[in-house]
Each structure stands twice: as C-alpha cells, then as structure tokens.
Protein backbone atom coordinates (compact mmCIF):
# COMPACT_ATOMS: atom_id res chain seq x y z
CA MET A 1 13.22 15.52 -5.32
CA HIS A 2 10.62 12.81 -4.81
CA HIS A 3 9.81 10.09 -7.16
CA LEU A 4 7.11 7.41 -8.15
CA TYR A 5 8.02 3.48 -7.32
CA ILE A 6 5.46 1.94 -8.79
CA PHE A 7 5.29 -1.63 -8.06
CA ASP A 8 3.66 -5.03 -9.29
CA LEU A 9 3.00 -7.63 -6.52
CA GLU A 10 3.21 -11.27 -7.15
CA GLY A 11 7.25 -11.96 -7.76
CA THR A 12 8.27 -8.25 -6.82
CA LEU A 13 7.34 -7.88 -3.29
CA PHE A 14 5.31 -10.54 -2.45
CA ARG A 15 5.58 -14.62 -3.37
CA SER A 16 3.14 -17.42 -3.68
CA GLU A 17 3.97 -20.61 -2.34
CA PHE A 18 1.22 -23.25 -3.15
CA VAL A 19 1.46 -25.84 0.37
CA ASN A 20 -1.28 -28.64 0.95
CA ASP A 21 -0.88 -29.77 4.55
CA SER A 22 -4.61 -31.56 4.88
CA GLU A 23 -4.24 -34.90 6.50
CA PRO A 24 -4.87 -37.28 4.55
CA PHE A 25 -3.55 -35.48 1.50
CA SER A 26 -6.42 -34.34 -0.59
CA TRP A 27 -5.91 -32.75 -3.88
CA ASP A 28 -8.69 -30.50 -3.56
CA SER A 29 -6.55 -29.30 0.22
CA TRP A 30 -4.09 -26.60 -1.82
CA LYS A 31 -3.20 -23.35 -0.86
CA VAL A 32 -1.88 -19.81 -1.62
CA LEU A 33 0.04 -19.07 0.55
CA GLU A 34 1.71 -15.42 0.24
CA ARG A 35 4.66 -14.00 2.12
CA PRO A 36 7.00 -10.72 1.27
CA PHE A 37 10.26 -11.31 0.23
CA PRO A 38 12.63 -10.46 3.09
CA ASP A 39 13.44 -7.24 1.55
CA THR A 40 9.94 -5.77 0.99
CA ALA A 41 8.86 -4.01 3.57
CA GLU A 42 12.52 -2.27 5.02
CA THR A 43 12.26 -0.99 1.60
CA LEU A 44 9.39 0.51 0.63
CA ALA A 45 9.69 2.07 4.41
CA LEU A 46 13.32 3.17 2.84
CA LEU A 47 11.78 4.95 0.10
CA ARG A 48 8.90 6.46 2.06
CA ASP A 49 10.64 8.32 4.23
CA ALA A 50 13.06 9.96 2.03
CA GLY A 51 10.22 11.36 1.00
CA ASN A 52 8.83 9.33 -2.22
CA ALA A 53 5.40 8.13 -3.23
CA ILE A 54 4.70 4.63 -3.94
CA CYS A 55 2.16 2.90 -5.80
CA ILE A 56 1.36 -0.64 -6.85
CA ALA A 57 0.22 -2.07 -10.25
CA THR A 58 -1.22 -5.89 -10.28
CA ASN A 59 -3.31 -7.88 -12.37
CA ALA A 60 -4.64 -9.48 -9.42
CA SER A 61 -7.41 -8.06 -6.97
CA GLY A 62 -6.51 -4.74 -5.92
CA VAL A 63 -9.54 -5.29 -2.91
CA HIS A 64 -7.45 -8.68 -2.61
CA THR A 65 -3.94 -6.99 -2.60
CA ARG A 66 -5.04 -3.64 -0.18
CA GLU A 67 -6.32 -7.07 2.17
CA LEU A 68 -2.63 -9.04 2.08
CA LEU A 69 -0.47 -5.55 2.41
CA ALA A 70 -2.53 -4.41 5.38
CA SER A 71 -2.79 -7.75 6.59
CA HIS A 72 1.49 -7.72 7.01
CA GLY A 73 1.08 -4.29 7.61
CA VAL A 74 2.79 -2.82 4.90
CA LEU A 75 -1.25 -0.87 3.02
CA GLY A 76 -0.10 2.74 4.70
CA LEU A 77 3.37 2.46 2.94
CA PHE A 78 1.17 2.83 -0.36
CA ASP A 79 -0.75 5.99 -2.08
CA ALA A 80 -2.07 3.80 -4.24
CA VAL A 81 -3.12 0.05 -4.96
CA VAL A 82 -4.16 -0.07 -8.43
CA GLY A 83 -5.52 -3.94 -9.28
CA ARG A 84 -7.48 -5.40 -12.02
CA GLU A 85 -11.11 -4.36 -11.05
CA ASP A 86 -9.83 -0.44 -11.25
CA VAL A 87 -9.26 -0.67 -14.75
CA ARG A 88 -10.50 -2.09 -18.29
CA ASN A 89 -7.24 -3.32 -20.00
CA GLY A 90 -4.84 -5.26 -16.65
CA LYS A 91 -0.54 -4.99 -17.87
CA PRO A 92 1.25 -5.01 -20.47
CA ASP A 93 -1.62 -2.59 -21.11
CA PRO A 94 -0.32 0.94 -19.72
CA GLU A 95 -3.29 2.48 -18.28
CA MET A 96 -2.83 0.71 -14.11
CA LEU A 97 0.24 2.72 -14.37
CA GLU A 98 -0.80 6.16 -16.05
CA MET A 99 -3.31 5.55 -13.39
CA CYS A 100 -0.69 5.80 -10.53
CA MET A 101 0.35 7.95 -12.22
CA GLY A 102 -2.69 10.19 -12.74
CA LEU A 103 -3.39 9.67 -8.94
CA THR A 104 -0.05 10.97 -6.91
CA GLY A 105 0.60 13.77 -9.63
CA TYR A 106 4.20 11.90 -11.06
CA ALA A 107 4.88 12.77 -14.56
CA PRO A 108 6.80 9.55 -16.60
CA GLY A 109 9.81 10.77 -16.22
CA ASP A 110 9.22 10.66 -12.69
CA THR A 111 8.80 7.51 -12.90
CA VAL A 112 9.75 3.57 -12.13
CA PHE A 113 7.72 0.31 -12.40
CA ILE A 114 9.57 -2.31 -10.77
CA GLY A 115 8.25 -5.84 -11.95
CA ASP A 116 9.12 -9.14 -12.92
CA SER A 117 7.64 -10.18 -16.18
CA PRO A 118 7.26 -8.96 -19.97
CA SER A 119 4.13 -7.65 -19.76
CA ASP A 120 5.38 -5.64 -17.00
CA MET A 121 8.29 -3.96 -19.09
CA ARG A 122 6.30 -3.55 -22.15
CA ALA A 123 3.93 -1.92 -19.76
CA ALA A 124 6.37 0.64 -18.56
CA ALA A 125 7.36 1.17 -22.13
CA SER A 126 4.09 1.97 -23.09
CA ALA A 127 3.30 4.28 -20.27
CA GLY A 128 7.25 5.97 -20.95
CA THR A 129 8.99 5.69 -17.10
CA ARG A 130 11.79 3.44 -16.66
CA PHE A 131 11.29 0.11 -15.51
CA LEU A 132 13.73 -1.98 -13.53
CA LEU A 133 14.03 -6.31 -13.45
CA ILE A 134 13.89 -7.49 -10.24
CA ASP A 135 15.63 -11.03 -11.12
CA ARG A 136 16.10 -12.57 -7.87
CA GLU A 137 17.93 -15.66 -9.34
CA GLY A 138 19.72 -14.08 -11.54
CA SER A 139 17.85 -16.60 -14.62
CA THR A 140 16.17 -13.74 -16.87
CA GLU A 141 17.82 -13.84 -20.45
CA PRO A 142 17.63 -10.55 -21.99
CA PRO A 143 16.21 -8.11 -23.47
CA TYR A 144 14.08 -7.32 -19.95
CA GLY A 145 16.21 -4.15 -18.90
CA GLU A 146 18.24 -3.25 -16.52
CA ARG A 147 18.59 -5.63 -13.60
CA ILE A 148 17.60 -5.01 -9.86
CA ARG A 149 18.19 -8.42 -8.26
CA THR A 150 17.20 -7.24 -4.07
CA LEU A 151 14.89 -4.83 -4.44
CA ALA A 152 17.02 -1.91 -2.03
CA GLU A 153 19.29 -1.63 -5.80
CA ALA A 154 15.89 0.73 -6.31
CA VAL A 155 16.36 2.83 -3.80
CA GLY A 156 19.78 4.16 -4.91
CA TYR A 157 17.80 4.73 -8.73
CA ASP A 158 19.31 6.96 -10.94
CA PHE A 159 16.37 9.38 -12.27
CA GLU A 160 19.40 10.90 -13.31
CA ASP A 161 22.18 8.87 -16.18
CA PRO A 162 20.60 9.41 -19.16
CA ARG A 163 21.03 5.36 -19.33
CA ASN A 164 18.12 4.48 -17.30
C-alpha cells in the first residue's frame, strides 16, 4: 500500500546557513544559503520509487520553496508544495496538511508528517496524521513524538504498527 509523506522544509529537508563573504566586512551583506541535507535527494527518490506521494508543508513562501527545490533538482519528486500564501493559517494549524491530503487523495491514517518542531507536531496531531520528529542532533527533549535521526529512517516507517 502506498502512503503520503509530508515534509517540513527548513530543518527537515534543508538547512539554512547565514554567510557573509563581503570584503570589506559589512553587517548589511549577510545572506541565507539554503542547502539540502545530504540524505534529502536520495530519501525522496526512494519514497517516490516505492510509489508514495510526497508533499511539503512549509510556513515559508511556496514560490521560494519551489524555486529552491528546482535549483537542487528535486522539485519533480513532489506531488505538491504548500506554502504560507496557499492557506489562511500556517502551522501549527492543520490547514497545510489537510491541503496536502486533499490534493493527493490520502486520508490521515495513510499519512505521516516529518518535521522538526513543536508546531509541526501540533499540526500533525490536529490533522490526525502520524508524526515523526527529525532530530538530527539528538537534542530535542520529550514529548515530541517518535524520533528519527536521518530521513532514511522514514523510508521504513511502519504504518501498520499500532504504536505509530
């Protein structure tokens, strides 16, 4: 059976680094450099190859997110990208997750949301989906749900396990 995997963007699939390479140094020259985590593209491809649907639910701009994904060659792996301008209420409201499910035809019981924050967890709980906390550093304190350290761990997620 196929499932829907919804991902948060920042801290889950991509990391932001603030860089300033201006010469001479200027406080006004800070830029945000967004890069995918090393396991992002491979994990998304594995999920897609297995026949699953994949979406992003981000409080960031959907336009910017699509451009970012395209620049890294992974936009085509997503069924939908839902950004802040696509909904009235961002996370922790469940509207983004509900939109992803509506666009792909999946029910909450066949959906898992992977995120990195308490607002992601609350959005999943309100939408009735499962939640996986991506905690790459092992630093988040309970009670933020089931944890994974890498995106690859989401590939083997057991939707049949009653504990999930």
